């Protein structure tokens, strides 16, 4: 197997495992979902099986506490997002929202895999894309697992400014996607800047 595909698999799988593990810890520590389920098998079944109907707070898994990391800026709080990133499209009817996210998620996986296959894996200028694409792929699949399992994504990272302004809750998969997209933007900028210089050198050498 070419080395670049080992990188793709290892980074993407690493993101997926870290994402699902942190979500498991959040459900265990911040909700009551596992309170009457002592074994790992029972907990995984409760986490990935059909969720109970939402309660009075709108959550399928009832929250029992949150953790203040920095009271003025950051906390861990269980949240559920049936929509896309930052809650977009969450107001769409489920029979429209579900198929839409399936198509978008699978399309993203196909596009990322195709784009990655076009990289040589040997050119130093491709290093940003070689890391960025696996991060985006792992993040997309991490959240897609949530959608397949229970039709909503578990979020828990909450950044705020003295509770007067807050960034929408996010998770490890979202973070990987943001970092990956940032690397791809750097890749596009670097290769765009280097291409004219290469063309000029080629013309001078001919």
Protein backbone atom coordinates (compact mmCIF):
# COMPACT_ATOMS: atom_id res chain seq x y z
CA UNK A 1 0.00 0.00 0.00
CA UNK A 2 1.41 3.45 -0.90
CA UNK A 3 2.59 5.42 2.11
CA UNK A 4 0.11 8.22 1.48
CA UNK A 5 -2.83 5.83 1.99
CA UNK A 6 -1.36 4.64 5.27
CA UNK A 7 -1.33 8.28 6.33
CA UNK A 8 -4.94 8.71 5.20
CA UNK A 9 -6.15 5.64 7.10
CA UNK A 10 -4.15 6.28 10.28
CA UNK A 11 -5.14 9.96 10.62
CA UNK A 12 -8.79 9.43 9.68
CA UNK A 13 -9.17 6.41 11.98
CA UNK A 14 -7.36 8.27 14.77
CA UNK A 15 -9.84 11.14 14.51
CA UNK A 16 -12.82 8.77 14.47
CA UNK A 17 -11.63 6.82 17.51
CA UNK A 18 -10.82 9.97 19.50
CA UNK A 19 -14.14 11.54 18.52
CA UNK A 20 -16.27 8.54 19.49
CA UNK A 21 -14.28 7.92 22.68
CA UNK A 22 -14.73 11.49 23.90
CA UNK A 23 -18.45 11.33 23.09
CA UNK A 24 -18.72 8.11 25.10
CA UNK A 25 -17.01 9.81 28.07
CA UNK A 26 -19.34 12.80 27.77
CA UNK A 27 -22.44 10.60 27.75
CA UNK A 28 -21.08 8.66 30.74
CA UNK A 29 -20.06 11.66 32.83
CA UNK A 30 -22.53 14.37 31.85
CA UNK A 31 -25.79 12.49 31.22
CA UNK A 32 -27.92 9.85 32.97
CA UNK A 33 -27.94 7.53 29.92
CA UNK A 34 -25.56 4.97 31.47
CA UNK A 35 -26.71 5.24 35.09
CA UNK A 36 -28.48 1.86 35.13
CA UNK A 37 -26.12 0.14 32.67
CA UNK A 38 -22.99 -1.19 34.42
CA UNK A 39 -21.41 -3.13 31.55
CA UNK A 40 -19.64 -1.76 28.47
CA UNK A 41 -21.91 -3.72 26.14
CA UNK A 42 -25.04 -2.24 27.70
CA UNK A 43 -23.58 1.25 27.50
CA UNK A 44 -22.59 0.92 23.85
CA UNK A 45 -26.05 -0.43 23.04
CA UNK A 46 -27.62 2.54 24.82
CA UNK A 47 -25.33 5.01 23.07
CA UNK A 48 -25.64 3.63 19.55
CA UNK A 49 -29.13 2.16 19.70
CA UNK A 50 -32.43 3.95 19.18
CA UNK A 51 -32.52 6.94 21.54
CA UNK A 52 -35.43 7.60 23.90
CA UNK A 53 -37.85 10.40 22.99
CA UNK A 54 -36.65 13.90 23.96
CA UNK A 55 -37.47 15.12 27.44
CA UNK A 56 -38.69 18.47 28.67
CA UNK A 57 -35.31 20.04 27.87
CA UNK A 58 -35.41 18.77 24.28
CA UNK A 59 -32.57 16.29 24.87
CA UNK A 60 -32.80 12.56 24.18
CA UNK A 61 -30.09 11.84 26.78
CA UNK A 62 -30.90 13.75 29.97
CA UNK A 63 -28.10 16.03 31.13
CA UNK A 64 -27.11 15.79 34.78
CA UNK A 65 -24.21 18.26 35.09
CA UNK A 66 -21.62 20.28 33.22
CA UNK A 67 -17.94 20.96 33.88
CA UNK A 68 -16.55 24.48 34.06
CA UNK A 69 -13.04 24.60 32.62
CA UNK A 70 -12.88 28.39 32.70
CA UNK A 71 -16.05 29.93 34.17
CA UNK A 72 -15.71 33.00 31.99
CA UNK A 73 -14.73 31.33 28.73
CA UNK A 74 -15.06 27.56 28.38
CA UNK A 75 -17.08 24.59 29.68
CA UNK A 76 -18.00 21.01 28.86
CA UNK A 77 -21.75 20.68 28.47
CA UNK A 78 -23.71 17.91 26.79
CA UNK A 79 -25.64 19.06 23.72
CA UNK A 80 -27.41 17.43 20.77
CA UNK A 81 -27.30 18.79 17.25
CA UNK A 82 -29.72 17.33 14.67
CA UNK A 83 -28.46 19.81 12.08
CA UNK A 84 -25.19 20.46 10.31
CA UNK A 85 -22.21 22.39 11.66
CA UNK A 86 -23.22 25.20 14.05
CA UNK A 87 -26.81 23.91 14.00
CA UNK A 88 -27.53 24.81 10.38
CA UNK A 89 -30.58 23.11 8.84
CA UNK A 90 -31.74 21.75 12.21
CA UNK A 91 -35.20 23.21 11.56
CA UNK A 92 -35.69 21.10 8.43
CA UNK A 93 -38.22 18.25 8.74
CA UNK A 94 -36.53 14.94 9.63
CA UNK A 95 -37.65 13.26 6.39
CA UNK A 96 -35.75 15.93 4.44
CA UNK A 97 -32.85 16.53 6.83
CA UNK A 98 -31.90 12.84 7.11
CA UNK A 99 -31.51 12.05 3.38
CA UNK A 100 -29.82 15.41 2.80
CA UNK A 101 -27.10 14.71 5.37
CA UNK A 102 -26.60 11.17 4.06
CA UNK A 103 -26.04 12.46 0.54
CA UNK A 104 -23.75 15.29 1.69
CA UNK A 105 -21.70 13.04 3.99
CA UNK A 106 -21.22 10.28 1.41
CA UNK A 107 -20.49 12.86 -1.29
CA UNK A 108 -17.83 14.43 0.93
CA UNK A 109 -16.20 11.03 1.53
CA UNK A 110 -16.13 10.26 -2.20
CA UNK A 111 -14.75 13.70 -3.09
CA UNK A 112 -12.04 13.63 -0.39
CA UNK A 113 -10.94 10.14 -1.39
CA UNK A 114 -10.83 11.10 -5.06
CA UNK A 115 -8.90 14.30 -4.38
CA UNK A 116 -6.45 12.45 -2.14
CA UNK A 117 -5.85 9.84 -4.86
CA UNK A 118 -4.67 12.64 -7.17
CA UNK A 119 -1.83 13.56 -4.81
CA UNK A 120 1.52 12.00 -5.59
CA UNK A 121 2.48 11.70 -1.95
CA UNK A 122 6.08 12.59 -2.81
CA UNK A 123 5.93 16.31 -3.53
CA UNK A 124 6.77 18.38 -0.39
CA UNK A 125 4.34 21.05 -1.59
CA UNK A 126 1.47 18.62 -1.01
CA UNK A 127 2.13 18.23 2.72
CA UNK A 128 -0.73 20.53 3.71
CA UNK A 129 -3.26 18.56 1.66
CA UNK A 130 -1.80 15.21 2.76
CA UNK A 131 -2.69 16.08 6.36
CA UNK A 132 -5.73 18.27 5.76
CA UNK A 133 -7.77 15.78 3.74
CA UNK A 134 -7.49 12.90 6.28
CA UNK A 135 -8.51 15.27 9.09
CA UNK A 136 -11.61 16.38 7.18
CA UNK A 137 -12.42 12.77 6.27
CA UNK A 138 -12.10 11.56 9.86
CA UNK A 139 -14.22 14.42 11.17
CA UNK A 140 -16.93 13.89 8.55
CA UNK A 141 -17.10 10.15 9.31
CA UNK A 142 -17.09 10.73 13.06
CA UNK A 143 -20.20 12.88 12.88
CA UNK A 144 -21.75 10.62 10.26
CA UNK A 145 -21.54 7.69 12.70
CA UNK A 146 -23.63 9.76 15.11
CA UNK A 147 -26.23 10.50 12.44
CA UNK A 148 -26.49 6.84 11.46
CA UNK A 149 -26.81 5.73 15.08
CA UNK A 150 -29.27 8.27 16.46
CA UNK A 151 -29.99 11.03 13.90
CA UNK A 152 -28.22 13.69 15.97
CA UNK A 153 -24.61 14.59 16.73
CA UNK A 154 -23.25 14.81 20.26
CA UNK A 155 -21.52 18.13 21.01
CA UNK A 156 -19.90 19.11 24.27
CA UNK A 157 -17.24 21.82 23.79
CA UNK A 158 -18.74 25.21 24.60
CA UNK A 159 -16.75 28.42 24.21
CA UNK A 160 -18.33 31.62 25.50
CA UNK A 161 -17.56 35.14 26.65
CA UNK A 162 -18.85 35.60 30.20
CA UNK A 163 -22.09 33.91 29.04
CA UNK A 164 -22.90 37.04 27.03
CA UNK A 165 -21.81 35.58 23.71
CA UNK A 166 -21.22 31.94 22.83
CA UNK A 167 -19.79 29.98 19.94
CA UNK A 168 -22.07 27.08 18.93
CA UNK A 169 -21.17 23.84 20.73
CA UNK A 170 -18.81 21.54 18.86
CA UNK A 171 -16.87 18.27 19.25
CA UNK A 172 -13.59 16.60 18.27
CA UNK A 173 -14.87 15.77 14.77
CA UNK A 174 -15.81 19.40 14.17
CA UNK A 175 -12.38 20.50 15.39
CA UNK A 176 -10.65 18.08 13.00
CA UNK A 177 -12.74 19.39 10.10
CA UNK A 178 -11.89 23.01 10.92
CA UNK A 179 -8.16 22.26 11.22
CA UNK A 180 -8.25 20.17 8.04
CA UNK A 181 -10.03 22.89 6.05
CA UNK A 182 -7.49 25.40 7.36
CA UNK A 183 -4.64 23.22 6.08
CA UNK A 184 -6.36 22.89 2.70
CA UNK A 185 -6.65 26.68 2.49
CA UNK A 186 -2.93 26.94 3.20
CA UNK A 187 -2.31 24.29 0.53
CA UNK A 188 -4.34 26.21 -2.03
CA UNK A 189 -2.52 29.45 -1.22
CA UNK A 190 0.98 27.92 -1.21
CA UNK A 191 0.56 26.00 -4.44
CA UNK A 192 -1.10 28.96 -6.13
CA UNK A 193 1.82 31.19 -5.15
CA UNK A 194 4.45 28.67 -6.26
CA UNK A 195 2.91 27.77 -9.62
CA UNK A 196 3.59 31.14 -11.37
CA UNK A 197 7.22 31.04 -10.18
CA UNK A 198 7.61 27.51 -11.55
CA UNK A 199 6.12 28.52 -14.90
CA UNK A 200 8.51 31.47 -15.12
CA UNK A 201 11.50 29.22 -14.39
CA UNK A 202 10.35 26.76 -17.02
CA UNK A 203 10.07 29.51 -19.63
CA UNK A 204 13.54 30.83 -18.81
CA UNK A 205 15.03 27.36 -19.06
CA UNK A 206 13.46 26.60 -22.44
